[in-house]
Protein backbone atom coordinates (compact mmCIF):
# COMPACT_ATOMS: atom_id res chain seq x y z
CA MET A 1 -22.20 -62.78 60.26
CA ALA A 2 -24.27 -64.81 58.30
CA GLU A 3 -26.76 -62.02 57.44
CA LYS A 4 -23.95 -59.56 56.47
CA LEU A 5 -22.45 -62.34 54.04
CA LYS A 6 -25.95 -62.76 52.57
CA SER A 7 -26.20 -59.37 52.11
CA ILE A 8 -22.73 -59.00 50.20
CA LEU A 9 -23.98 -61.83 47.98
CA LYS A 10 -27.04 -60.33 47.27
CA GLN A 11 -25.24 -56.98 46.28
CA THR A 12 -22.94 -58.52 44.22
CA SER A 13 -25.51 -60.45 42.18
CA TRP A 14 -27.41 -56.97 41.50
CA SER A 15 -23.93 -55.67 40.44
CA LEU A 16 -23.49 -58.40 38.08
CA ILE A 17 -27.01 -58.30 36.61
CA LEU A 18 -26.57 -54.61 36.14
CA LYS A 19 -23.19 -54.99 34.18
CA ALA A 20 -24.98 -57.66 31.83
CA VAL A 21 -27.95 -55.12 31.49
CA ILE A 22 -25.30 -52.27 30.27
CA PHE A 23 -23.50 -54.71 28.19
CA ALA A 24 -26.83 -55.67 26.23
CA VAL A 25 -27.88 -52.03 26.15
CA ALA A 26 -24.69 -50.77 24.76
CA TRP A 27 -24.24 -53.37 22.27
CA TRP A 28 -27.74 -52.49 20.87
CA ALA A 29 -27.74 -48.87 21.16
CA LEU A 30 -23.84 -47.77 20.60
CA PRO A 31 -21.51 -47.88 17.74
CA PHE A 32 -19.21 -50.93 18.15
CA TRP A 33 -16.04 -49.12 19.06
CA LEU A 34 -17.99 -47.48 21.95
CA PHE A 35 -19.48 -50.75 23.06
CA LEU A 36 -16.10 -52.43 22.72
CA LEU A 37 -14.39 -49.92 25.07
CA LEU A 38 -17.20 -50.22 27.62
CA ALA A 39 -17.32 -53.86 27.48
CA LEU A 40 -13.79 -54.23 28.11
CA TYR A 41 -14.27 -52.06 31.19
CA LEU A 42 -17.12 -53.90 32.54
CA TYR A 43 -15.15 -57.51 32.22
CA PHE A 44 -11.59 -56.43 33.35
CA VAL A 45 -12.70 -54.16 36.55
CA PRO A 46 -12.05 -55.89 38.50
CA PHE A 47 -9.30 -57.94 37.00
CA THR A 48 -9.61 -60.78 39.32
CA GLY A 49 -10.04 -64.00 37.68
CA ALA A 50 -10.12 -62.30 34.07
CA GLU A 51 -7.85 -64.65 32.65
CA LYS A 52 -10.02 -67.71 33.38
CA VAL A 53 -12.90 -66.60 30.95
CA LEU A 54 -10.85 -64.50 28.51
CA VAL A 55 -11.25 -66.86 25.67
CA PRO A 56 -15.26 -67.06 25.88
CA PHE A 57 -15.62 -63.48 26.53
CA PHE A 58 -13.44 -62.29 23.36
CA VAL A 59 -15.38 -64.89 21.33
CA LEU A 60 -18.37 -63.32 22.65
CA LEU A 61 -17.03 -59.72 21.33
CA LEU A 62 -16.42 -61.62 18.00
CA ILE A 63 -20.12 -62.81 17.61
CA SER A 64 -21.33 -59.04 18.58
CA LEU A 65 -19.04 -57.84 16.00
CA LEU A 66 -20.52 -60.16 13.20
CA GLU A 67 -24.21 -59.85 14.10
CA PRO A 68 -26.66 -57.04 13.24
CA GLN A 69 -28.08 -55.01 16.12
CA SER A 70 -31.46 -56.52 17.13
CA ILE A 71 -33.33 -56.62 20.80
CA ILE A 72 -33.30 -60.52 20.74
CA ASP A 73 -29.51 -60.86 20.18
CA ALA A 74 -28.86 -58.31 22.68
CA LEU A 75 -30.76 -60.28 25.46
CA ILE A 76 -28.92 -63.26 24.38
CA PHE A 77 -25.48 -61.52 24.44
CA GLY A 78 -26.39 -59.85 27.93
CA ALA A 79 -27.08 -63.12 29.12
CA CYS A 80 -23.82 -64.81 27.82
CA PHE A 81 -21.96 -62.19 29.35
CA TYR A 82 -23.86 -62.35 32.85
CA PHE A 83 -22.46 -66.17 32.44
CA ILE A 84 -19.11 -65.26 31.86
CA ILE A 85 -18.89 -62.97 34.87
CA LEU A 86 -20.30 -65.27 37.26
CA ILE A 87 -17.58 -67.57 36.13
CA LYS A 88 -15.00 -65.07 36.39
CA ASP A 89 -16.21 -63.86 40.13
CA LEU A 90 -16.31 -67.24 41.28
CA ILE A 91 -20.29 -66.74 41.91
CA ILE A 92 -20.99 -70.48 40.35
CA ILE A 93 -19.81 -73.25 42.16
CA ASP A 94 -19.77 -75.84 39.46
CA ARG A 95 -17.61 -73.66 37.08
CA ARG A 96 -16.49 -76.68 34.98
CA SER A 97 -20.15 -77.46 33.90
CA ALA A 98 -20.70 -73.66 33.48
CA TYR A 99 -17.96 -73.24 31.10
CA GLU A 100 -18.99 -76.32 29.18
CA ILE A 101 -22.46 -74.88 28.67
CA LEU A 102 -20.93 -71.71 27.92
CA ILE A 103 -18.52 -72.54 25.26
CA LEU A 104 -21.77 -74.73 23.65
CA VAL A 105 -23.81 -71.70 23.43
CA LEU A 106 -21.07 -69.58 21.87
CA SER A 107 -20.00 -72.56 19.36
CA TYR A 108 -24.16 -72.42 18.30
CA LEU A 109 -24.00 -68.62 17.88
CA LEU A 110 -20.80 -68.80 15.80
CA MET A 111 -22.29 -71.30 13.60
CA ARG A 112 -25.73 -69.67 13.35
CA SER A 113 -23.89 -66.43 12.28
CA PHE A 114 -21.67 -68.29 9.64
CA PHE A 115 -24.68 -70.07 8.09
CA LEU A 116 -26.84 -66.89 7.95
CA LYS A 117 -24.11 -64.71 6.67
CA THR A 118 -22.81 -67.13 3.95
CA GLY A 119 -26.31 -68.04 2.84
CA GLY A 120 -25.57 -71.84 2.02
CA THR A 121 -22.95 -70.75 -0.80
CA PHE A 122 -19.48 -71.48 -0.83
CA GLY A 123 -16.89 -68.98 -2.06
CA GLY A 124 -13.60 -67.02 -1.05
CA TRP A 125 -15.76 -65.17 1.82
CA ALA A 126 -17.21 -68.36 3.05
CA LEU A 127 -13.77 -69.99 2.96
CA LEU A 128 -12.36 -67.16 5.12
CA TYR A 129 -15.32 -67.01 7.72
CA SER A 130 -15.21 -70.66 8.03
CA LEU A 131 -11.69 -70.37 9.32
CA VAL A 132 -12.52 -67.72 11.59
CA VAL A 133 -15.21 -69.89 13.27
CA SER A 134 -13.17 -73.00 13.41
CA GLY A 135 -10.67 -70.98 15.05
CA ALA A 136 -13.14 -69.58 17.92
CA VAL A 137 -14.44 -73.05 18.43
CA SER A 138 -10.82 -74.72 18.66
CA ALA A 139 -9.79 -71.79 21.10
CA LEU A 140 -13.22 -72.48 23.36
CA VAL A 141 -12.42 -76.31 23.73
CA THR A 142 -8.80 -75.85 24.37
CA SER A 143 -9.05 -72.93 27.00
CA PHE A 144 -11.71 -75.43 28.59
CA VAL A 145 -9.03 -78.17 28.65
CA LYS A 146 -6.37 -75.66 30.02
CA ASN A 147 -8.57 -74.20 32.60
CA PHE A 148 -9.80 -77.65 34.18
CA SER A 149 -7.02 -80.10 33.48
CA THR A 150 -5.97 -82.10 36.48
CA VAL A 151 -2.28 -81.38 35.69
CA PRO A 152 -0.86 -79.09 38.37
CA PRO A 153 0.56 -76.05 37.00
CA GLU A 154 3.93 -76.32 38.25
CA THR A 155 4.14 -79.96 36.46
CA ASP A 156 2.57 -78.60 33.49
CA SER A 157 5.45 -79.68 30.91
CA HIS A 158 6.57 -78.87 27.27
CA GLU A 159 4.66 -82.10 26.40
CA ALA A 160 1.38 -81.01 27.65
CA HIS A 161 1.52 -77.60 25.79
CA SER A 162 2.50 -79.54 22.62
CA PHE A 163 -0.50 -81.71 23.25
CA ARG A 164 -3.00 -79.09 23.51
CA ARG A 165 -1.52 -77.12 20.56
CA MET A 166 -2.07 -80.30 18.54
CA LEU A 167 -5.68 -80.81 19.82
CA GLY A 168 -6.21 -77.40 18.83
CA TRP A 169 -5.21 -78.01 15.30
CA MET A 170 -7.22 -81.20 15.38
CA ILE A 171 -10.63 -79.48 16.50
CA PHE A 172 -9.86 -76.75 14.06
CA LEU A 173 -9.64 -78.82 11.03
CA LEU A 174 -12.63 -81.06 12.10
CA MET A 175 -14.67 -77.80 12.84
CA TRP A 176 -13.58 -76.57 9.28
CA GLN A 177 -14.56 -79.55 7.50
CA LEU A 178 -18.02 -79.64 9.31
CA LEU A 179 -18.71 -76.05 8.33
CA VAL A 180 -17.78 -76.86 4.68
CA VAL A 181 -19.83 -79.79 4.40
CA GLY A 182 -22.78 -77.88 6.07
CA LEU A 183 -22.84 -75.24 3.23
CA PHE A 184 -23.91 -78.13 0.87
CA LEU A 185 -26.78 -79.23 2.88
CA PRO A 186 -30.00 -78.14 1.10
CA LEU A 187 -31.64 -76.52 3.87
CA ASN A 188 -32.05 -73.03 5.27
CA PHE A 189 -29.50 -71.34 8.03
CA LEU A 190 -31.10 -72.64 10.96
CA TYR A 191 -31.36 -76.13 9.91
CA GLN A 192 -27.94 -76.21 8.64
CA SER A 193 -26.29 -74.79 11.94
CA THR A 194 -28.44 -77.18 14.29
CA ILE A 195 -27.31 -80.18 12.13
CA VAL A 196 -23.95 -79.25 12.12
CA PHE A 197 -23.75 -78.09 15.76
CA LEU A 198 -25.31 -81.65 16.94
CA VAL A 199 -22.54 -83.13 14.98
CA ALA A 200 -19.85 -80.69 16.79
CA ILE A 201 -21.07 -81.41 20.01
CA ILE A 202 -19.02 -84.99 19.63
CA ILE A 203 -16.08 -82.78 19.60
CA ILE A 204 -16.88 -80.14 22.09
CA ASP A 205 -18.36 -82.71 24.81
CA LEU A 206 -16.48 -85.69 24.21
CA VAL A 207 -12.96 -84.77 23.47
CA PRO A 208 -12.43 -82.99 26.75
CA GLN A 209 -14.08 -85.81 28.80
CA TYR A 210 -11.68 -88.08 27.24
CA ILE A 211 -8.58 -85.80 28.01
CA PHE A 212 -9.84 -85.51 31.66
CA GLY A 213 -9.85 -89.42 31.87
CA GLN A 214 -13.73 -89.34 32.37
CA LEU A 215 -15.01 -90.72 29.12
CA SER A 216 -16.77 -94.12 29.45
CA ARG A 217 -18.60 -96.28 26.88
CA MET A 218 -21.80 -95.51 28.85
CA LYS A 219 -21.27 -91.55 28.24
CA VAL A 220 -20.28 -92.14 24.77
CA LEU A 221 -23.54 -94.49 24.06
CA ALA A 222 -25.84 -91.91 25.77
CA THR A 223 -24.63 -89.10 24.07
CA SER A 224 -24.44 -90.92 20.54
CA CYS A 225 -28.07 -91.98 21.16
CA VAL A 226 -29.56 -88.46 22.10
CA LEU A 227 -27.60 -86.81 19.08
CA PHE A 228 -28.56 -89.22 16.68
CA ALA A 229 -32.17 -89.01 17.70
CA LEU A 230 -31.95 -84.98 17.49
CA LEU A 231 -30.30 -85.45 14.10
CA VAL A 232 -33.18 -87.67 12.86
CA LEU A 233 -35.80 -85.20 14.53
CA ALA A 234 -34.02 -82.11 13.02
CA ALA A 235 -33.69 -83.65 9.28
CA ALA A 236 -37.10 -85.02 9.24
CA SER A 237 -38.64 -81.56 10.24
CA ALA A 238 -36.55 -79.88 7.92
CA ARG A 239 -37.43 -78.46 4.52
CA TRP A 240 -35.38 -79.66 1.93
CA ILE A 241 -34.40 -77.54 -0.87
CA PHE A 242 -33.58 -79.36 -4.27
């Protein structure tokens, strides 16, 4: 029986790797509309568990639409898709930590794409793009809170839904302000996205911890110290453009 179970798990793992490879190759080689149809099939078949990571999946599709086709990005997107279906199919035991890592990676990819395409200039296009990126990050964080809230579904009241909407708008506004401020940093897009992302981690990581009732002074202190050190390192190594 144990050998049979091991065989099933092994087959499942290889099938998920194959899905991720097909996803990456399709994005790199096919027109986007054809890739989109194939990606939807790879994700929704089988449908079980699809609603749990629906937001990260659609955010990944959004990023894949915005980015030009390249082998490096294809590898990154394939790895992200593999991570998504591992969570969807309940292969990963600690799904909460996996989900948190996933939204951090997707958030960084969104910010990198934003600063790369806007070129550090503020205008109508940059304003529209910043709204899209802020909305996507907000949706990722609120989906994380919804999926891993300790409140049972049957007791999830109207007040809880209202609170999640308010949380989503708060994160949206904070992220939008960070992106706009980042545009005025005299740096190239990699340093802009890195610095803004390090500040955004405070929102993406600590806000859910506070909602889950697991935020402690030690957690805040440790996170703040690490982020401050990384910010100083990034600022010191950057080539400032004046």
